[in-house]
Protein backbone atom coordinates (compact mmCIF):
# COMPACT_ATOMS: atom_id res chain seq x y z
CA MET A 1 49.56 -9.72 -18.45
CA LYS A 2 46.71 -8.62 -20.72
CA SER A 3 45.66 -12.24 -20.93
CA VAL A 4 45.33 -12.53 -17.13
CA TYR A 5 43.22 -9.36 -16.96
CA SER A 6 41.03 -10.65 -19.76
CA TYR A 7 40.39 -13.88 -17.84
CA ILE A 8 39.65 -11.97 -14.65
CA ILE A 9 37.18 -9.70 -16.47
CA LEU A 10 35.55 -12.73 -18.12
CA PHE A 11 35.29 -14.54 -14.77
CA VAL A 12 33.76 -11.51 -12.99
CA SER A 13 31.33 -11.02 -15.88
CA ILE A 14 30.16 -14.63 -15.63
CA ILE A 15 29.67 -14.29 -11.86
CA LEU A 16 27.66 -11.06 -12.30
CA LEU A 17 25.54 -12.58 -15.05
CA PHE A 18 24.74 -15.62 -12.91
CA SER A 19 23.90 -13.38 -9.95
CA CYS A 20 21.52 -11.22 -12.02
CA ASN A 21 19.75 -14.29 -13.44
CA GLN A 22 19.32 -15.73 -9.95
CA GLN A 23 17.78 -12.45 -8.71
CA LYS A 24 15.35 -12.43 -11.65
CA LYS A 25 14.39 -16.05 -10.89
CA ASP A 26 13.82 -15.24 -7.20
CA SER A 27 11.63 -12.27 -8.14
CA ALA A 28 9.62 -14.40 -10.57
CA ASP A 29 9.06 -17.06 -7.89
CA LYS A 30 7.71 -14.44 -5.51
CA GLU A 31 5.28 -13.12 -8.14
CA VAL A 32 3.78 -16.57 -8.72
CA ALA A 33 2.43 -16.88 -5.15
CA LYS A 34 -1.21 -15.74 -5.27
CA ASP A 35 -2.82 -14.29 -2.20
CA GLY A 36 -5.90 -15.98 -0.85
CA ILE A 37 -9.16 -14.70 0.56
CA PHE A 38 -10.96 -16.57 3.31
CA ILE A 39 -14.64 -15.54 3.35
CA HIS A 40 -16.62 -16.39 6.47
CA ILE A 41 -20.42 -16.33 6.16
CA SER A 42 -22.49 -16.73 9.32
CA HIS A 43 -25.84 -15.40 8.06
CA GLY A 44 -28.53 -16.96 5.94
CA SER A 45 -32.14 -15.99 5.26
CA ASP A 46 -31.94 -13.65 8.28
CA ASP A 47 -29.74 -11.30 6.17
CA PRO A 48 -29.76 -12.11 2.43
CA HIS A 49 -27.87 -8.91 1.60
CA ARG A 50 -24.83 -10.10 3.57
CA VAL A 51 -24.89 -13.57 2.04
CA LEU A 52 -25.29 -12.38 -1.54
CA MET A 53 -22.65 -9.68 -1.14
CA ALA A 54 -20.17 -12.27 0.16
CA LEU A 55 -20.90 -14.66 -2.71
CA SER A 56 -20.65 -11.85 -5.25
CA LEU A 57 -17.34 -10.72 -3.78
CA ALA A 58 -16.01 -14.28 -3.89
CA GLU A 59 -16.79 -14.54 -7.58
CA LYS A 60 -15.16 -11.20 -8.42
CA MET A 61 -12.06 -11.88 -6.34
CA SER A 62 -11.65 -15.38 -7.78
CA GLU A 63 -10.46 -13.84 -11.05
CA ASP A 64 -6.98 -13.31 -9.60
CA LYS A 65 -7.05 -14.60 -6.00
CA ASP A 66 -7.43 -18.00 -4.37
CA ILE A 67 -10.78 -18.16 -2.55
CA ILE A 68 -12.22 -20.36 0.17
CA LEU A 69 -15.68 -19.92 1.73
CA TYR A 70 -16.65 -21.09 5.20
CA PHE A 71 -20.29 -21.14 6.29
CA ASP A 72 -21.36 -21.51 9.91
CA ILE A 73 -24.18 -20.53 12.32
CA LYS A 74 -27.21 -19.59 10.13
CA GLY A 75 -25.08 -19.54 6.98
CA ILE A 76 -25.19 -23.30 6.57
CA GLU A 77 -28.85 -23.11 5.48
CA VAL A 78 -27.61 -21.57 2.21
CA LEU A 79 -25.68 -24.77 1.49
CA LEU A 80 -28.50 -27.25 2.10
CA LYS A 81 -30.18 -29.10 -0.76
CA ASP A 82 -33.55 -27.90 0.52
CA GLY A 83 -32.23 -24.51 1.67
CA PRO A 84 -33.80 -21.24 0.57
CA ASP A 85 -32.77 -19.56 -2.68
CA LEU A 86 -31.98 -16.08 -1.37
CA SER A 87 -32.48 -12.98 -3.46
CA PHE A 88 -31.95 -9.29 -2.81
CA ALA A 89 -31.78 -6.16 -4.98
CA GLN A 90 -29.52 -6.55 -8.04
CA PHE A 91 -27.66 -9.65 -6.81
CA THR A 92 -27.82 -13.03 -8.51
CA SER A 93 -29.69 -15.59 -6.38
CA SER A 94 -27.76 -17.58 -3.78
CA LYS A 95 -28.23 -20.96 -5.44
CA GLU A 96 -26.98 -19.63 -8.77
CA GLN A 97 -23.99 -17.89 -7.18
CA VAL A 98 -23.01 -20.97 -5.13
CA GLN A 99 -23.16 -23.10 -8.27
CA LYS A 100 -20.97 -20.64 -10.22
CA LEU A 101 -18.37 -20.76 -7.45
CA LEU A 102 -18.43 -24.56 -7.35
CA ASP A 103 -18.10 -24.66 -11.14
CA LYS A 104 -14.95 -22.52 -10.80
CA GLY A 105 -13.51 -25.09 -8.39
CA ILE A 106 -13.76 -22.86 -5.33
CA THR A 107 -13.87 -24.73 -2.04
CA ILE A 108 -17.04 -24.14 -0.03
CA MET A 109 -17.12 -25.62 3.46
CA ALA A 110 -19.83 -26.05 6.09
CA CYS A 111 -19.20 -26.11 9.84
CA PRO A 112 -19.87 -29.67 11.06
CA GLY A 113 -20.96 -28.52 14.53
CA CYS A 114 -23.39 -25.97 13.12
CA LEU A 115 -24.77 -28.56 10.72
CA LYS A 116 -25.37 -30.93 13.63
CA ALA A 117 -26.91 -28.14 15.76
CA ALA A 118 -29.38 -27.53 12.91
CA GLY A 119 -30.37 -31.19 12.94
CA LYS A 120 -28.71 -31.81 9.56
CA THR A 121 -26.03 -34.19 8.29
CA PRO A 122 -23.45 -33.92 5.50
CA ASP A 123 -25.92 -35.77 3.26
CA ASP A 124 -28.20 -32.71 3.49
CA LEU A 125 -25.59 -30.49 1.80
CA ARG A 126 -25.69 -29.58 -1.88
CA GLU A 127 -23.38 -31.55 -4.12
CA GLY A 128 -19.87 -30.10 -4.07
CA ILE A 129 -20.07 -28.64 -0.56
CA ILE A 130 -17.65 -30.20 1.92
CA ILE A 131 -17.43 -30.39 5.69
CA ALA A 132 -14.86 -27.95 7.08
CA ASP A 133 -11.35 -29.31 7.38
CA LYS A 134 -8.83 -27.25 9.35
CA GLU A 135 -5.97 -28.07 6.97
CA LYS A 136 -7.87 -26.55 4.05
CA PHE A 137 -7.99 -23.23 5.90
CA PHE A 138 -4.23 -22.92 5.53
CA ASN A 139 -3.45 -24.85 2.36
CA PHE A 140 -5.77 -23.22 -0.17
CA THR A 141 -3.25 -20.56 -1.21
CA SER A 142 0.50 -20.05 -1.39
CA GLY A 143 0.43 -16.33 -0.60
CA ARG A 144 -0.95 -14.23 2.20
CA ILE A 145 -4.46 -14.87 3.56
CA LEU A 146 -6.97 -12.05 3.88
CA SER A 147 -10.08 -12.80 5.93
CA ILE A 148 -13.47 -11.21 5.27
CA ASP A 149 -16.38 -11.78 7.62
CA TYR A 150 -20.06 -11.55 6.64
């Protein structure tokens, strides 16, 4: 009889051990999913403070979050090869900040309609800038998406 109880205890112990390991694995999988931040920039030389704050925030947040930047309206001028190099107060210039973000592999997109409205084409964009693609809005992160608008 003791032998039967020993087998039952061993069997239950194995089941509990497997269950605990599975819960730890599930928790670890959930921790891996990084949240993402979608930063929308619609201003350019009309409000350098907004632009530079957004770029600065993107760089800081990129340390532990997935980042994607979307420029439209007047913001696209910041992404043009011949666009202005914005500066304001203590912020690093726009061209330098955009390059840092590109060097980190952060996706920076320009609105195709806004580019066309400005009389520009994708060839007028700085190297590394892409035309907005709706799928990239949703596939740049595996976690939640926080949106910030500048």
